[in-house]
Amino acid sequence: MGKSKGNVAKLPKLKCCESRSKCGRCPLRMLKEGTLPSGYTVKRRQLVRLDGKKVTKKKLAKAA
């Protein structure tokens, strides 16, 4: 049968797709709503870390 992961946090995309109706994983929308993982922010429509290190999906999943 299908595996259920329960209540999994949505991860933001690494770059905004710039669509008019922002998608649910848009980093801009998540920043505005306050659901972006701690230690991350958005600059020039791109997800960046506050400490200046490179953003990876593995580290992003760990932070969320």
C-alpha atoms as a PDB file:
ATOM      1  CA  MET A   1       0.000   0.000   0.000  1.00  0.00           C
ATOM      2  CA  GLY A   2       1.013   3.678  -0.198  1.00  0.00           C
ATOM      3  CA  LYS A   3       3.263   5.038   2.487  1.00  0.00           C
ATOM      4  CA  SER A   4       1.975   7.959   4.515  1.00  0.00           C
ATOM      5  CA  LYS A   5       4.507  10.463   5.783  1.00  0.00           C
ATOM      6  CA  GLY A   6       2.022  12.215   8.050  1.00  0.00           C
ATOM      7  CA  ASN A   7       2.518  15.940   8.504  1.00  0.00           C
ATOM      8  CA  VAL A   8       5.534  16.764   6.315  1.00  0.00           C
ATOM      9  CA  ALA A   9       6.680  20.390   5.999  1.00  0.00           C
ATOM     10  CA  LYS A  10       6.580  21.806   2.479  1.00  0.00           C
ATOM     11  CA  LEU A  11      10.032  22.716   1.259  1.00  0.00           C
ATOM     12  CA  PRO A  12      10.438  25.962  -0.677  1.00  0.00           C
ATOM     13  CA  LYS A  13      11.715  25.943  -4.230  1.00  0.00           C
ATOM     14  CA  LEU A  14      15.272  27.171  -4.703  1.00  0.00           C
ATOM     15  CA  LYS A  15      14.165  29.839  -7.208  1.00  0.00           C
ATOM     16  CA  CYS A  16      10.860  31.631  -7.734  1.00  0.00           C
ATOM     17  CA  CYS A  17       9.165  30.719 -11.017  1.00  0.00           C
ATOM     18  CA  GLU A  18       7.745  34.292 -11.230  1.00  0.00           C
ATOM     19  CA  SER A  19       4.178  33.181 -11.959  1.00  0.00           C
ATOM     20  CA  ARG A  20       1.441  35.732 -11.176  1.00  0.00           C
ATOM     21  CA  SER A  21      -0.476  33.369  -8.907  1.00  0.00           C
ATOM     22  CA  LYS A  22       2.339  32.280  -6.606  1.00  0.00           C
ATOM     23  CA  CYS A  23       2.595  28.516  -6.148  1.00  0.00           C
ATOM     24  CA  GLY A  24       2.422  26.946  -2.695  1.00  0.00           C
ATOM     25  CA  ARG A  25       6.187  26.328  -2.550  1.00  0.00           C
ATOM     26  CA  CYS A  26       7.236  29.792  -3.743  1.00  0.00           C
ATOM     27  CA  PRO A  27      10.038  31.138  -1.513  1.00  0.00           C
ATOM     28  CA  LEU A  28       8.565  34.669  -1.743  1.00  0.00           C
ATOM     29  CA  ARG A  29       5.157  33.498  -0.532  1.00  0.00           C
ATOM     30  CA  MET A  30       6.683  31.389   2.245  1.00  0.00           C
ATOM     31  CA  LEU A  31       8.800  34.356   3.392  1.00  0.00           C
ATOM     32  CA  LYS A  32       5.722  36.580   3.527  1.00  0.00           C
ATOM     33  CA  GLU A  33       3.688  33.950   5.414  1.00  0.00           C
ATOM     34  CA  GLY A  34       6.564  33.221   7.787  1.00  0.00           C
ATOM     35  CA  THR A  35       6.735  29.516   6.885  1.00  0.00           C
ATOM     36  CA  LEU A  36      10.268  29.657   5.479  1.00  0.00           C
ATOM     37  CA  PRO A  37      12.695  27.468   7.507  1.00  0.00           C
ATOM     38  CA  SER A  38      14.828  29.381   9.999  1.00  0.00           C
ATOM     39  CA  GLY A  39      18.210  30.470   8.676  1.00  0.00           C
ATOM     40  CA  TYR A  40      16.905  31.122   5.156  1.00  0.00           C
ATOM     41  CA  THR A  41      15.769  34.242   3.307  1.00  0.00           C
ATOM     42  CA  VAL A  42      15.036  35.353  -0.277  1.00  0.00           C
ATOM     43  CA  LYS A  43      17.198  37.708  -2.326  1.00  0.00           C
ATOM     44  CA  ARG A  44      16.483  38.497  -5.984  1.00  0.00           C
ATOM     45  CA  ARG A  45      13.781  35.773  -6.090  1.00  0.00           C
ATOM     46  CA  GLN A  46      16.387  33.171  -5.047  1.00  0.00           C
ATOM     47  CA  LEU A  47      16.463  31.221  -1.787  1.00  0.00           C
ATOM     48  CA  VAL A  48      19.672  31.969   0.174  1.00  0.00           C
ATOM     49  CA  ARG A  49      21.064  31.089   3.585  1.00  0.00           C
ATOM     50  CA  LEU A  50      21.647  33.816   6.144  1.00  0.00           C
ATOM     51  CA  ASP A  51      25.186  32.583   6.870  1.00  0.00           C
ATOM     52  CA  GLY A  52      26.146  32.855   3.178  1.00  0.00           C
ATOM     53  CA  LYS A  53      26.707  29.137   2.557  1.00  0.00           C
ATOM     54  CA  LYS A  54      25.340  27.318  -0.487  1.00  0.00           C
ATOM     55  CA  VAL A  55      21.718  26.157  -0.378  1.00  0.00           C
ATOM     56  CA  THR A  56      21.310  22.414  -0.954  1.00  0.00           C
ATOM     57  CA  LYS A  57      18.145  20.339  -0.930  1.00  0.00           C
ATOM     58  CA  LYS A  58      19.638  18.023   1.694  1.00  0.00           C
ATOM     59  CA  LYS A  59      20.387  20.853   4.143  1.00  0.00           C
ATOM     60  CA  LEU A  60      17.035  22.472   3.359  1.00  0.00           C
ATOM     61  CA  ALA A  61      15.168  19.271   4.207  1.00  0.00           C
ATOM     62  CA  LYS A  62      17.107  18.991   7.457  1.00  0.00           C
ATOM     63  CA  ALA A  63      16.265  22.600   8.426  1.00  0.00           C
ATOM     64  CA  ALA A  64      12.551  22.113   7.712  1.00  0.00           C
END
